[in-house]
Amino acid sequence: MMDTIFDICVKIMEDVSPMLGLTYKEFNVILFVIVHPLITLMLFTALLRNYIKNKLHRR
C-alpha cells in the first residue's frame, strides 16, 4: 500500500516538474527542503499564537 502511494507521488512529481521547467530532483528539493519546512513553521507559529491568545483570554 505504502509503495503504491509513493510510486503515485513520484509519478506526479515526474510529470509536473517539466511543466515547471524543473528536473525531478530540483522539484523534490524545493518541495521537501523549502516548502514543507516553511508550511510546518507557519502552522507551528499559528498554533503557538492561538495557544497564547487562549491563555490570555482565559484570565
N, C-alpha and C. Protein backbone atom coordinates (compact mmCIF):
# COMPACT_ATOMS: atom_id res chain seq x y z
N MET A 1 0.82 -1.19 0.00
CA MET A 1 0.00 0.00 0.00
C MET A 1 0.87 1.25 0.00
N MET A 2 1.84 1.32 0.92
CA MET A 2 2.69 2.49 1.02
C MET A 2 3.55 2.64 -0.23
N ASP A 3 4.02 1.54 -0.78
CA ASP A 3 4.81 1.59 -2.01
C ASP A 3 3.99 2.15 -3.17
N THR A 4 2.73 1.79 -3.22
CA THR A 4 1.85 2.27 -4.29
C THR A 4 1.66 3.78 -4.18
N ILE A 5 1.40 4.25 -2.96
CA ILE A 5 1.22 5.70 -2.75
C ILE A 5 2.50 6.44 -3.12
N PHE A 6 3.64 5.92 -2.68
CA PHE A 6 4.93 6.53 -3.01
C PHE A 6 5.12 6.59 -4.52
N ASP A 7 4.86 5.48 -5.21
CA ASP A 7 5.04 5.43 -6.66
C ASP A 7 4.14 6.43 -7.38
N ILE A 8 2.91 6.58 -6.90
CA ILE A 8 1.98 7.54 -7.49
C ILE A 8 2.50 8.97 -7.30
N CYS A 9 2.98 9.27 -6.10
CA CYS A 9 3.51 10.61 -5.81
C CYS A 9 4.74 10.92 -6.66
N VAL A 10 5.62 9.94 -6.80
CA VAL A 10 6.81 10.13 -7.63
C VAL A 10 6.40 10.38 -9.08
N LYS A 11 5.44 9.62 -9.57
CA LYS A 11 4.97 9.78 -10.95
C LYS A 11 4.39 11.18 -11.15
N ILE A 12 3.61 11.65 -10.19
CA ILE A 12 3.04 13.00 -10.29
C ILE A 12 4.15 14.04 -10.33
N MET A 13 5.13 13.88 -9.46
CA MET A 13 6.25 14.83 -9.44
C MET A 13 7.05 14.78 -10.74
N GLU A 14 7.23 13.59 -11.28
CA GLU A 14 7.95 13.46 -12.55
C GLU A 14 7.18 14.12 -13.69
N ASP A 15 5.85 14.05 -13.64
CA ASP A 15 5.03 14.65 -14.70
C ASP A 15 4.92 16.16 -14.56
N VAL A 16 4.87 16.66 -13.32
CA VAL A 16 4.69 18.08 -13.08
C VAL A 16 5.99 18.86 -13.24
N SER A 17 7.11 18.28 -12.85
CA SER A 17 8.37 19.02 -12.86
C SER A 17 8.73 19.61 -14.23
N PRO A 18 8.56 18.89 -15.34
CA PRO A 18 8.88 19.54 -16.63
C PRO A 18 7.95 20.71 -16.95
N MET A 19 6.71 20.64 -16.48
CA MET A 19 5.77 21.74 -16.69
C MET A 19 6.24 23.02 -15.98
N LEU A 20 6.98 22.83 -14.91
CA LEU A 20 7.50 23.96 -14.14
C LEU A 20 8.91 24.35 -14.58
N GLY A 21 9.44 23.61 -15.54
CA GLY A 21 10.79 23.89 -16.03
C GLY A 21 11.86 23.43 -15.07
N LEU A 22 11.56 22.38 -14.30
CA LEU A 22 12.49 21.86 -13.31
C LEU A 22 12.76 20.39 -13.56
N THR A 23 13.88 19.91 -13.04
CA THR A 23 14.10 18.47 -13.04
C THR A 23 13.36 17.88 -11.84
N TYR A 24 13.23 16.58 -11.82
CA TYR A 24 12.59 15.90 -10.69
C TYR A 24 13.34 16.21 -9.40
N LYS A 25 14.67 16.16 -9.46
CA LYS A 25 15.48 16.41 -8.26
C LYS A 25 15.31 17.84 -7.76
N GLU A 26 15.29 18.82 -8.67
CA GLU A 26 15.10 20.21 -8.26
C GLU A 26 13.73 20.40 -7.61
N PHE A 27 12.72 19.83 -8.22
CA PHE A 27 11.36 19.93 -7.69
C PHE A 27 11.28 19.27 -6.32
N ASN A 28 11.92 18.14 -6.16
CA ASN A 28 11.95 17.42 -4.90
C ASN A 28 12.60 18.27 -3.80
N VAL A 29 13.73 18.90 -4.11
CA VAL A 29 14.41 19.74 -3.13
C VAL A 29 13.55 20.94 -2.76
N ILE A 30 12.99 21.60 -3.75
CA ILE A 30 12.13 22.77 -3.47
C ILE A 30 10.97 22.37 -2.58
N LEU A 31 10.35 21.25 -2.90
CA LEU A 31 9.17 20.82 -2.15
C LEU A 31 9.51 20.38 -0.72
N PHE A 32 10.52 19.55 -0.56
CA PHE A 32 10.76 18.93 0.74
C PHE A 32 11.83 19.62 1.59
N VAL A 33 12.63 20.49 1.00
CA VAL A 33 13.65 21.20 1.77
C VAL A 33 13.23 22.64 2.04
N ILE A 34 12.39 23.20 1.16
CA ILE A 34 11.98 24.59 1.32
C ILE A 34 10.51 24.71 1.69
N VAL A 35 9.62 24.21 0.85
CA VAL A 35 8.18 24.41 1.04
C VAL A 35 7.65 23.70 2.29
N HIS A 36 7.95 22.43 2.44
CA HIS A 36 7.42 21.68 3.59
C HIS A 36 7.86 22.27 4.92
N PRO A 37 9.16 22.58 5.11
CA PRO A 37 9.55 23.20 6.38
C PRO A 37 8.89 24.56 6.62
N LEU A 38 8.70 25.36 5.55
CA LEU A 38 8.03 26.65 5.72
C LEU A 38 6.58 26.47 6.17
N ILE A 39 5.88 25.52 5.57
CA ILE A 39 4.49 25.26 5.96
C ILE A 39 4.45 24.77 7.40
N THR A 40 5.36 23.89 7.77
CA THR A 40 5.41 23.39 9.14
C THR A 40 5.66 24.53 10.13
N LEU A 41 6.59 25.42 9.79
CA LEU A 41 6.88 26.57 10.65
C LEU A 41 5.67 27.50 10.76
N MET A 42 4.98 27.74 9.67
CA MET A 42 3.79 28.59 9.71
C MET A 42 2.69 27.97 10.56
N LEU A 43 2.48 26.67 10.44
CA LEU A 43 1.46 26.00 11.26
C LEU A 43 1.83 26.02 12.73
N PHE A 44 3.10 25.81 13.04
CA PHE A 44 3.55 25.86 14.43
C PHE A 44 3.36 27.27 15.00
N THR A 45 3.69 28.28 14.21
CA THR A 45 3.50 29.67 14.64
C THR A 45 2.03 29.97 14.90
N ALA A 46 1.15 29.53 14.02
CA ALA A 46 -0.28 29.75 14.21
C ALA A 46 -0.77 29.02 15.47
N LEU A 47 -0.30 27.82 15.68
CA LEU A 47 -0.68 27.06 16.87
C LEU A 47 -0.22 27.77 18.13
N LEU A 48 1.01 28.25 18.13
CA LEU A 48 1.55 28.96 19.28
C LEU A 48 0.77 30.26 19.55
N ARG A 49 0.46 31.00 18.50
CA ARG A 49 -0.34 32.23 18.66
C ARG A 49 -1.70 31.92 19.27
N ASN A 50 -2.36 30.90 18.77
CA ASN A 50 -3.67 30.54 19.31
C ASN A 50 -3.58 30.09 20.75
N TYR A 51 -2.53 29.35 21.07
CA TYR A 51 -2.33 28.90 22.45
C TYR A 51 -2.16 30.09 23.38
N ILE A 52 -1.32 31.04 22.98
CA ILE A 52 -1.08 32.22 23.81
C ILE A 52 -2.35 33.06 23.90
N LYS A 53 -3.03 33.24 22.80
CA LYS A 53 -4.29 34.02 22.77
C LYS A 53 -5.32 33.40 23.72
N ASN A 54 -5.45 32.08 23.68
CA ASN A 54 -6.42 31.42 24.55
C ASN A 54 -6.01 31.49 26.02
N LYS A 55 -4.71 31.40 26.28
CA LYS A 55 -4.22 31.51 27.66
C LYS A 55 -4.54 32.90 28.23
N LEU A 56 -4.29 33.94 27.44
CA LEU A 56 -4.54 35.31 27.89
C LEU A 56 -6.04 35.58 28.01
N HIS A 57 -6.83 35.00 27.13
CA HIS A 57 -8.27 35.22 27.12
C HIS A 57 -8.94 34.59 28.36
N ARG A 58 -8.39 33.51 28.85
CA ARG A 58 -8.99 32.80 29.99
C ARG A 58 -8.80 33.54 31.31
N ARG A 59 -7.87 34.46 31.37
CA ARG A 59 -7.59 35.16 32.63
C ARG A 59 -8.65 36.14 32.99
